[in-house]
Amino acid sequence: MAWLRVASLVVLALWVGGLAILGFVAAPAIFSTLEAHDPSAGRALAGAVFGAVLWRFHYWMWALGGGLLLLFLIRRLLGPAPRYLAVRMGVVVLMLALGAVSAYYISPRIDQIRHETNGAIASLTDNDPRKAEFGRLHGLSSILMLCTLGAGISLFWAELNDH
């Protein structure tokens, strides 16, 4: 049974670590590098690059989330079940749901706004509703990612302390 718990921790580490690397390392590096290289178009290109990276990460998210649910079920079947198994599975489902909202609602709308805009979003006037919506969606996307990260860290802690 110990190896199933270790496998759960590895899956969580990959998922949470991936989110942390995306948000705290990849995004800032991509945006700062491309904006420094091309001040006028760099930000738009960085948004497109990071959007593509984030989309690919969603495939990993589905696989890792599904794998984690499967590991929890196997641990339950082979016994003893992890403490608060239903809560843990609920947290995984919540994390997947937050990722789904980001992938299938927020990201497509952000991409649509980018395609509707001639030039960079930053070049839109402050009273342009597209600029305001873009800002709201970007903020919401960041909040969802932080919530997913926090939920994953909490779940990781629970797995570490399950004796």
Foldseek 3Di string as FASTA:
>chain_A
DVVLLVVLLVLLCCLLVVLCCLPPPVLVVQQVVQCVVPVFCSNVVSVVVSLVVLLVVLVSLVVSLVVNLVSQVVDVVVDDHFPPSVVLNVLSVLLNVLSCCCNPPLSVLLVVLSVVDDGDLVPDDPPPVSNVVNVVSVVSNVVSSVSSSVSSVVSSVSSVPGD
